[in-house]
Amino acid sequence: MSAAVERRLAEFRAARGSTAATAPPRPAEPPAEPPAAAAAPEAAEGPQARGGAAAPAWALKVLLWGALLALAAGLGLALPFGLLSGLYWMHAATRGPAERRRGELSAYSVFNPGCAAIPGTLTAAQLERELFYRPAAGSAG
């Protein structure tokens, strides 16, 4: 990387309060085990060592849903069951403000303190500048 990019990266990390800005990059360490032993670690470790406890629970939920869908189809209620279960899955997949990590911003700026937008959000002012070819505030040009 060029010196200018390194300098900007250091400034960005310092502004975010990241400790990685002061630490020099470490060289890559060689693997501790030979490649033949590393080829199949999943077979030796089992699902608990891989953090696979969530995978069987997810699979069981899908199997249960499929069985209930088959039962609902037998009763002629497949469409309402599908719609209601879809709404339930959407609700279960969302995280509310209480479940957000400290300092994490919502994708919807109206739910953030002071209506703060997340980085990369297209604002009306930015769109207007781009439509009328005006330079951004504070930029030379």
N, C-alpha and C. Protein backbone atom coordinates (compact mmCIF):
# COMPACT_ATOMS: atom_id res chain seq x y z
N MET A 1 0.84 -1.18 0.00
CA MET A 1 0.00 0.00 0.00
C MET A 1 0.88 1.24 0.00
N SER A 2 0.35 2.28 -0.54
CA SER A 2 1.11 3.51 -0.59
C SER A 2 1.11 4.19 0.79
N ALA A 3 1.99 5.11 0.95
CA ALA A 3 2.12 5.81 2.24
C ALA A 3 0.87 6.63 2.54
N ALA A 4 0.25 7.20 1.51
CA ALA A 4 -0.95 8.01 1.72
C ALA A 4 -2.10 7.14 2.21
N VAL A 5 -2.23 5.94 1.65
CA VAL A 5 -3.30 5.04 2.08
C VAL A 5 -3.05 4.58 3.51
N GLU A 6 -1.79 4.26 3.82
CA GLU A 6 -1.44 3.85 5.19
C GLU A 6 -1.75 4.97 6.18
N ARG A 7 -1.45 6.22 5.81
CA ARG A 7 -1.69 7.36 6.70
C ARG A 7 -3.20 7.54 6.92
N ARG A 8 -3.98 7.45 5.83
CA ARG A 8 -5.43 7.61 5.95
C ARG A 8 -6.04 6.50 6.78
N LEU A 9 -5.51 5.27 6.61
CA LEU A 9 -6.00 4.15 7.39
C LEU A 9 -5.69 4.35 8.88
N ALA A 10 -4.51 4.85 9.19
CA ALA A 10 -4.15 5.11 10.58
C ALA A 10 -5.04 6.21 11.17
N GLU A 11 -5.34 7.25 10.37
CA GLU A 11 -6.23 8.31 10.85
C GLU A 11 -7.64 7.78 11.10
N PHE A 12 -8.12 6.92 10.20
CA PHE A 12 -9.45 6.35 10.36
C PHE A 12 -9.52 5.49 11.61
N ARG A 13 -8.52 4.66 11.82
CA ARG A 13 -8.52 3.81 13.01
C ARG A 13 -8.41 4.64 14.29
N ALA A 14 -7.63 5.70 14.25
CA ALA A 14 -7.49 6.57 15.42
C ALA A 14 -8.81 7.27 15.71
N ALA A 15 -9.52 7.68 14.67
CA ALA A 15 -10.80 8.35 14.87
C ALA A 15 -11.84 7.39 15.45
N ARG A 16 -11.77 6.13 15.09
CA ARG A 16 -12.71 5.13 15.61
C ARG A 16 -12.30 4.64 16.98
N GLY A 17 -11.09 4.95 17.41
CA GLY A 17 -10.63 4.49 18.71
C GLY A 17 -10.15 3.05 18.66
N SER A 18 -9.78 2.59 17.50
CA SER A 18 -9.34 1.21 17.33
C SER A 18 -7.93 1.05 17.85
N THR A 19 -7.68 -0.05 18.55
CA THR A 19 -6.33 -0.32 19.04
C THR A 19 -5.46 -0.93 17.95
N ALA A 20 -6.06 -1.36 16.85
CA ALA A 20 -5.30 -1.97 15.77
C ALA A 20 -4.45 -0.94 15.03
N ALA A 21 -4.72 0.36 15.24
CA ALA A 21 -3.95 1.38 14.54
C ALA A 21 -2.52 1.44 15.04
N THR A 22 -2.28 1.14 16.30
CA THR A 22 -0.94 1.23 16.84
C THR A 22 -0.16 -0.07 16.71
N ALA A 23 -0.86 -1.17 16.56
CA ALA A 23 -0.18 -2.45 16.47
C ALA A 23 0.31 -2.69 15.05
N PRO A 24 1.59 -3.04 14.89
CA PRO A 24 2.08 -3.33 13.55
C PRO A 24 1.49 -4.65 13.06
N PRO A 25 1.34 -4.81 11.76
CA PRO A 25 0.78 -6.06 11.25
C PRO A 25 1.72 -7.22 11.52
N ARG A 26 1.14 -8.34 11.97
CA ARG A 26 1.94 -9.52 12.27
C ARG A 26 2.12 -10.36 11.01
N PRO A 27 3.29 -10.97 10.86
CA PRO A 27 3.47 -11.86 9.71
C PRO A 27 2.60 -13.09 9.88
N ALA A 28 2.24 -13.69 8.78
CA ALA A 28 1.40 -14.88 8.82
C ALA A 28 2.16 -16.03 9.46
N GLU A 29 1.49 -16.73 10.39
CA GLU A 29 2.13 -17.85 11.07
C GLU A 29 1.89 -19.12 10.28
N PRO A 30 2.89 -20.01 10.24
CA PRO A 30 2.69 -21.27 9.53
C PRO A 30 1.70 -22.14 10.28
N PRO A 31 0.98 -23.03 9.59
CA PRO A 31 0.02 -23.89 10.27
C PRO A 31 0.73 -24.83 11.24
N ALA A 32 0.07 -25.09 12.38
CA ALA A 32 0.68 -25.92 13.41
C ALA A 32 0.62 -27.40 13.06
N GLU A 33 -0.37 -27.83 12.27
CA GLU A 33 -0.48 -29.24 11.92
C GLU A 33 -0.23 -29.44 10.44
N PRO A 34 0.16 -30.62 10.06
CA PRO A 34 0.38 -30.87 8.63
C PRO A 34 -0.94 -30.80 7.87
N PRO A 35 -0.89 -30.51 6.57
CA PRO A 35 -2.11 -30.37 5.79
C PRO A 35 -2.97 -31.63 5.75
N ALA A 36 -2.39 -32.80 5.84
CA ALA A 36 -3.18 -34.03 5.80
C ALA A 36 -4.09 -34.14 7.02
N ALA A 37 -3.61 -33.72 8.18
CA ALA A 37 -4.42 -33.77 9.40
C ALA A 37 -5.47 -32.67 9.41
N ALA A 38 -5.19 -31.57 8.73
CA ALA A 38 -6.13 -30.46 8.71
C ALA A 38 -7.22 -30.65 7.66
N ALA A 39 -7.11 -31.68 6.84
CA ALA A 39 -8.07 -31.86 5.76
C ALA A 39 -9.45 -32.25 6.27
N ALA A 40 -9.53 -33.01 7.36
CA ALA A 40 -10.83 -33.46 7.85
C ALA A 40 -10.99 -33.22 9.34
N PRO A 41 -10.94 -31.95 9.80
CA PRO A 41 -11.10 -31.71 11.24
C PRO A 41 -12.54 -31.89 11.69
N GLU A 42 -13.51 -31.75 10.79
CA GLU A 42 -14.91 -31.84 11.18
C GLU A 42 -15.29 -33.25 11.61
N ALA A 43 -14.71 -34.25 10.98
CA ALA A 43 -15.06 -35.62 11.32
C ALA A 43 -14.56 -35.99 12.71
N ALA A 44 -13.43 -35.41 13.12
CA ALA A 44 -12.86 -35.75 14.42
C ALA A 44 -13.45 -34.92 15.55
N GLU A 45 -13.89 -33.70 15.24
CA GLU A 45 -14.32 -32.80 16.31
C GLU A 45 -15.76 -33.01 16.74
N GLY A 46 -16.65 -33.27 15.84
CA GLY A 46 -18.05 -33.40 16.19
C GLY A 46 -18.74 -32.05 16.08
N PRO A 47 -20.08 -32.03 16.15
CA PRO A 47 -20.81 -30.77 15.95
C PRO A 47 -20.64 -29.77 17.08
N GLN A 48 -20.41 -30.22 18.32
CA GLN A 48 -20.29 -29.28 19.44
C GLN A 48 -19.02 -28.46 19.33
N ALA A 49 -17.91 -29.07 18.90
CA ALA A 49 -16.65 -28.34 18.80
C ALA A 49 -16.69 -27.31 17.68
N ARG A 50 -17.49 -27.53 16.64
CA ARG A 50 -17.60 -26.57 15.53
C ARG A 50 -18.63 -25.50 15.83
N GLY A 51 -19.27 -25.56 16.95
CA GLY A 51 -20.35 -24.61 17.21
C GLY A 51 -21.60 -25.02 16.47
N GLY A 52 -21.76 -26.31 16.20
CA GLY A 52 -22.86 -26.81 15.41
C GLY A 52 -24.10 -27.11 16.22
N ALA A 53 -24.19 -26.64 17.46
CA ALA A 53 -25.38 -26.89 18.27
C ALA A 53 -26.60 -26.20 17.68
N ALA A 54 -26.39 -25.08 16.97
CA ALA A 54 -27.51 -24.36 16.39
C ALA A 54 -28.01 -25.04 15.12
N ALA A 55 -27.14 -25.75 14.41
CA ALA A 55 -27.55 -26.39 13.16
C ALA A 55 -28.61 -27.47 13.39
N PRO A 56 -28.47 -28.38 14.35
CA PRO A 56 -29.54 -29.36 14.55
C PRO A 56 -30.85 -28.71 15.00
N ALA A 57 -30.79 -27.68 15.81
CA ALA A 57 -32.01 -27.00 16.25
C ALA A 57 -32.71 -26.36 15.05
N TRP A 58 -31.95 -25.78 14.14
CA TRP A 58 -32.52 -25.17 12.95
C TRP A 58 -33.15 -26.24 12.07
N ALA A 59 -32.45 -27.35 11.91
CA ALA A 59 -32.98 -28.44 11.08
C ALA A 59 -34.26 -29.02 11.69
N LEU A 60 -34.31 -29.13 13.00
CA LEU A 60 -35.51 -29.64 13.66
C LEU A 60 -36.68 -28.68 13.46
N LYS A 61 -36.42 -27.39 13.50
CA LYS A 61 -37.49 -26.42 13.29
C LYS A 61 -38.04 -26.51 11.88
N VAL A 62 -37.16 -26.71 10.91
CA VAL A 62 -37.61 -26.82 9.52
C VAL A 62 -38.41 -28.11 9.35
N LEU A 63 -37.95 -29.20 9.94
CA LEU A 63 -38.69 -30.47 9.85
C LEU A 63 -40.07 -30.36 10.51
N LEU A 64 -40.13 -29.70 11.66
CA LEU A 64 -41.40 -29.50 12.33
C LEU A 64 -42.33 -28.65 11.48
N TRP A 65 -41.79 -27.60 10.87
CA TRP A 65 -42.60 -26.74 10.02
C TRP A 65 -43.13 -27.54 8.83
N GLY A 66 -42.28 -28.37 8.23
CA GLY A 66 -42.72 -29.18 7.10
C GLY A 66 -43.83 -30.16 7.48
N ALA A 67 -43.71 -30.76 8.67
CA ALA A 67 -44.75 -31.69 9.13
C ALA A 67 -46.06 -30.95 9.37
N LEU A 68 -45.97 -29.77 9.97
CA LEU A 68 -47.19 -28.98 10.20
C LEU A 68 -47.79 -28.50 8.88
N LEU A 69 -46.94 -28.18 7.90
CA LEU A 69 -47.45 -27.78 6.59
C LEU A 69 -48.17 -28.95 5.92
N ALA A 70 -47.62 -30.15 6.04
CA ALA A 70 -48.28 -31.33 5.47
C ALA A 70 -49.63 -31.56 6.14
N LEU A 71 -49.68 -31.39 7.47
CA LEU A 71 -50.94 -31.54 8.18
C LEU A 71 -51.95 -30.49 7.74
N ALA A 72 -51.49 -29.24 7.60
CA ALA A 72 -52.38 -28.16 7.16
C ALA A 72 -52.84 -28.40 5.73
N ALA A 73 -51.98 -28.93 4.88
CA ALA A 73 -52.37 -29.22 3.50
C ALA A 73 -53.43 -30.31 3.47
N GLY A 74 -53.30 -31.28 4.37
CA GLY A 74 -54.32 -32.33 4.45
C GLY A 74 -55.67 -31.80 4.88
N LEU A 75 -55.67 -30.74 5.65
CA LEU A 75 -56.91 -30.12 6.11
C LEU A 75 -57.40 -29.03 5.16
N GLY A 76 -56.62 -28.77 4.10
CA GLY A 76 -57.00 -27.72 3.15
C GLY A 76 -56.65 -26.33 3.62
N LEU A 77 -55.73 -26.21 4.57
CA LEU A 77 -55.36 -24.91 5.14
C LEU A 77 -53.89 -24.56 4.88
N ALA A 78 -53.33 -25.05 3.77
CA ALA A 78 -51.92 -24.83 3.49
C ALA A 78 -51.61 -23.35 3.25
N LEU A 79 -52.46 -22.66 2.50
CA LEU A 79 -52.21 -21.25 2.20
C LEU A 79 -52.24 -20.38 3.47
N PRO A 80 -53.28 -20.47 4.32
CA PRO A 80 -53.24 -19.66 5.55
C PRO A 80 -52.06 -20.04 6.45
N PHE A 81 -51.76 -21.35 6.53
CA PHE A 81 -50.63 -21.77 7.35
C PHE A 81 -49.33 -21.18 6.82
N GLY A 82 -49.15 -21.22 5.50
CA GLY A 82 -47.94 -20.66 4.91
C GLY A 82 -47.81 -19.17 5.16
N LEU A 83 -48.91 -18.45 5.02
CA LEU A 83 -48.88 -17.00 5.25
C LEU A 83 -48.59 -16.67 6.71
N LEU A 84 -49.28 -17.34 7.62
CA LEU A 84 -49.06 -17.06 9.05
C LEU A 84 -47.67 -17.47 9.50
N SER A 85 -47.19 -18.60 9.01
CA SER A 85 -45.85 -19.02 9.42
C SER A 85 -44.79 -18.10 8.82
N GLY A 86 -45.04 -17.59 7.61
CA GLY A 86 -44.10 -16.62 7.02
C GLY A 86 -44.03 -15.35 7.84
N LEU A 87 -45.19 -14.87 8.29
CA LEU A 87 -45.19 -13.69 9.15
C LEU A 87 -44.46 -13.95 10.47
N TYR A 88 -44.67 -15.15 11.01
CA TYR A 88 -43.98 -15.50 12.25
C TYR A 88 -42.46 -15.52 12.05
N TRP A 89 -41.99 -16.13 10.95
CA TRP A 89 -40.55 -16.21 10.72
C TRP A 89 -39.95 -14.83 10.52
N MET A 90 -40.69 -13.93 9.85
CA MET A 90 -40.18 -12.56 9.69
C MET A 90 -40.09 -11.85 11.03
N HIS A 91 -41.10 -12.05 11.87
CA HIS A 91 -41.07 -11.44 13.19
C HIS A 91 -39.94 -12.01 14.05
N ALA A 92 -39.75 -13.32 13.98
CA ALA A 92 -38.70 -13.96 14.79
C ALA A 92 -37.31 -13.56 14.33
N ALA A 93 -37.16 -13.20 13.05
CA ALA A 93 -35.84 -12.88 12.52
C ALA A 93 -35.43 -11.44 12.81
N THR A 94 -36.36 -10.59 13.22
CA THR A 94 -36.02 -9.19 13.47
C THR A 94 -35.50 -9.02 14.88
N ARG A 95 -34.63 -8.03 15.03
CA ARG A 95 -34.11 -7.70 16.36
C ARG A 95 -34.62 -6.32 16.73
N GLY A 96 -35.13 -6.21 17.91
CA GLY A 96 -35.64 -4.93 18.37
C GLY A 96 -34.54 -4.07 18.95
N PRO A 97 -34.87 -2.83 19.36
CA PRO A 97 -33.87 -1.93 19.94
C PRO A 97 -33.23 -2.48 21.20
N ALA A 98 -33.96 -3.28 21.97
CA ALA A 98 -33.39 -3.82 23.20
C ALA A 98 -32.33 -4.88 22.92
N GLU A 99 -32.39 -5.51 21.74
CA GLU A 99 -31.44 -6.55 21.41
C GLU A 99 -30.22 -6.03 20.67
N ARG A 100 -30.19 -4.75 20.34
CA ARG A 100 -29.06 -4.17 19.65
C ARG A 100 -27.89 -3.98 20.60
N ARG A 101 -26.68 -4.15 20.08
CA ARG A 101 -25.48 -3.93 20.90
C ARG A 101 -25.31 -2.44 21.18
N ARG A 102 -24.60 -2.14 22.25
CA ARG A 102 -24.38 -0.75 22.64
C ARG A 102 -23.62 -0.02 21.53
N GLY A 103 -24.16 1.10 21.07
CA GLY A 103 -23.53 1.89 20.02
C GLY A 103 -23.88 1.45 18.61
N GLU A 104 -24.59 0.34 18.45
CA GLU A 104 -24.96 -0.14 17.12
C GLU A 104 -26.13 0.69 16.60
N LEU A 105 -26.02 1.17 15.38
CA LEU A 105 -27.07 1.99 14.80
C LEU A 105 -28.03 1.13 14.01
N SER A 106 -29.28 1.56 13.97
CA SER A 106 -30.30 0.88 13.17
C SER A 106 -30.15 1.31 11.72
N ALA A 107 -30.56 0.47 10.80
CA ALA A 107 -30.53 0.82 9.38
C ALA A 107 -31.52 1.93 9.09
N TYR A 108 -32.54 2.07 9.92
CA TYR A 108 -33.54 3.13 9.75
C TYR A 108 -33.17 4.28 10.68
N SER A 109 -32.78 5.41 10.10
CA SER A 109 -32.23 6.51 10.89
C SER A 109 -33.23 7.07 11.89
N VAL A 110 -34.53 6.91 11.69
CA VAL A 110 -35.49 7.47 12.63
C VAL A 110 -35.42 6.76 13.98
N PHE A 111 -34.85 5.57 14.05
CA PHE A 111 -34.72 4.84 15.31
C PHE A 111 -33.40 5.10 16.01
N ASN A 112 -32.51 5.88 15.39
CA ASN A 112 -31.21 6.17 15.98
C ASN A 112 -31.28 7.47 16.78
N PRO A 113 -30.42 7.61 17.79
CA PRO A 113 -30.39 8.87 18.54
C PRO A 113 -30.07 10.04 17.62
N GLY A 114 -30.88 11.05 17.65
CA GLY A 114 -30.67 12.22 16.80
C GLY A 114 -30.89 11.93 15.33
N CYS A 115 -31.57 10.86 15.01
CA CYS A 115 -31.83 10.45 13.62
C CYS A 115 -30.54 10.32 12.81
N ALA A 116 -29.48 9.82 13.45
CA ALA A 116 -28.18 9.67 12.79
C ALA A 116 -28.26 8.58 11.73
N ALA A 117 -27.76 8.89 10.54
CA ALA A 117 -27.76 7.93 9.44
C ALA A 117 -26.50 7.07 9.51
N ILE A 118 -26.59 5.84 9.03
CA ILE A 118 -25.42 4.97 9.00
C ILE A 118 -24.54 5.39 7.84
N PRO A 119 -23.24 5.10 7.92
CA PRO A 119 -22.34 5.47 6.82
C PRO A 119 -22.77 4.81 5.51
N GLY A 120 -22.71 5.59 4.44
CA GLY A 120 -23.09 5.08 3.13
C GLY A 120 -24.53 5.34 2.76
N THR A 121 -25.27 5.98 3.63
CA THR A 121 -26.67 6.28 3.35
C THR A 121 -26.75 7.47 2.39
N LEU A 122 -27.58 7.36 1.38
CA LEU A 122 -27.79 8.45 0.43
C LEU A 122 -28.80 9.41 1.04
N THR A 123 -28.36 10.63 1.29
CA THR A 123 -29.26 11.63 1.87
C THR A 123 -29.85 12.50 0.76
N ALA A 124 -30.90 13.21 1.11
CA ALA A 124 -31.54 14.09 0.13
C ALA A 124 -30.58 15.20 -0.30
N ALA A 125 -29.80 15.73 0.64
CA ALA A 125 -28.85 16.79 0.30
C ALA A 125 -27.77 16.27 -0.66
N GLN A 126 -27.28 15.06 -0.43
CA GLN A 126 -26.28 14.49 -1.31
C GLN A 126 -26.86 14.24 -2.71
N LEU A 127 -28.09 13.74 -2.76
CA LEU A 127 -28.73 13.49 -4.04
C LEU A 127 -28.93 14.80 -4.81
N GLU A 128 -29.34 15.84 -4.10
CA GLU A 128 -29.53 17.14 -4.75
C GLU A 128 -28.21 17.68 -5.28
N ARG A 129 -27.12 17.55 -4.49
CA ARG A 129 -25.80 17.99 -4.95
C ARG A 129 -25.40 17.25 -6.22
N GLU A 130 -25.62 15.94 -6.23
CA GLU A 130 -25.22 15.15 -7.39
C GLU A 130 -26.08 15.45 -8.61
N LEU A 131 -27.36 15.75 -8.41
CA LEU A 131 -28.22 16.06 -9.53
C LEU A 131 -27.86 17.39 -10.17
N PHE A 132 -27.45 18.36 -9.36
CA PHE A 132 -27.14 19.70 -9.86
C PHE A 132 -25.65 19.93 -10.00
N TYR A 133 -24.82 18.88 -9.87
CA TYR A 133 -23.39 18.92 -10.08
C TYR A 133 -22.70 19.96 -9.20
N ARG A 134 -23.12 20.06 -7.96
CA ARG A 134 -22.47 20.99 -7.02
C ARG A 134 -21.43 20.21 -6.21
N PRO A 135 -20.30 20.84 -5.90
CA PRO A 135 -19.32 20.14 -5.06
C PRO A 135 -19.83 20.00 -3.63
N ALA A 136 -19.34 19.01 -2.94
CA ALA A 136 -19.73 18.79 -1.55
C ALA A 136 -19.21 19.94 -0.69
N ALA A 137 -19.88 20.21 0.42
CA ALA A 137 -19.47 21.29 1.31
C ALA A 137 -18.08 21.00 1.86
N GLY A 138 -17.21 21.98 1.80
CA GLY A 138 -15.86 21.83 2.34
C GLY A 138 -14.88 21.19 1.40
N SER A 139 -15.29 20.85 0.20
CA SER A 139 -14.35 20.24 -0.74
C SER A 139 -13.88 21.28 -1.74
N ALA A 140 -12.67 21.13 -2.16
CA ALA A 140 -12.11 22.07 -3.14
C ALA A 140 -12.55 21.64 -4.53
N GLY A 141 -13.03 22.55 -5.29
CA GLY A 141 -13.39 22.16 -6.63
C GLY A 141 -14.39 23.05 -7.17
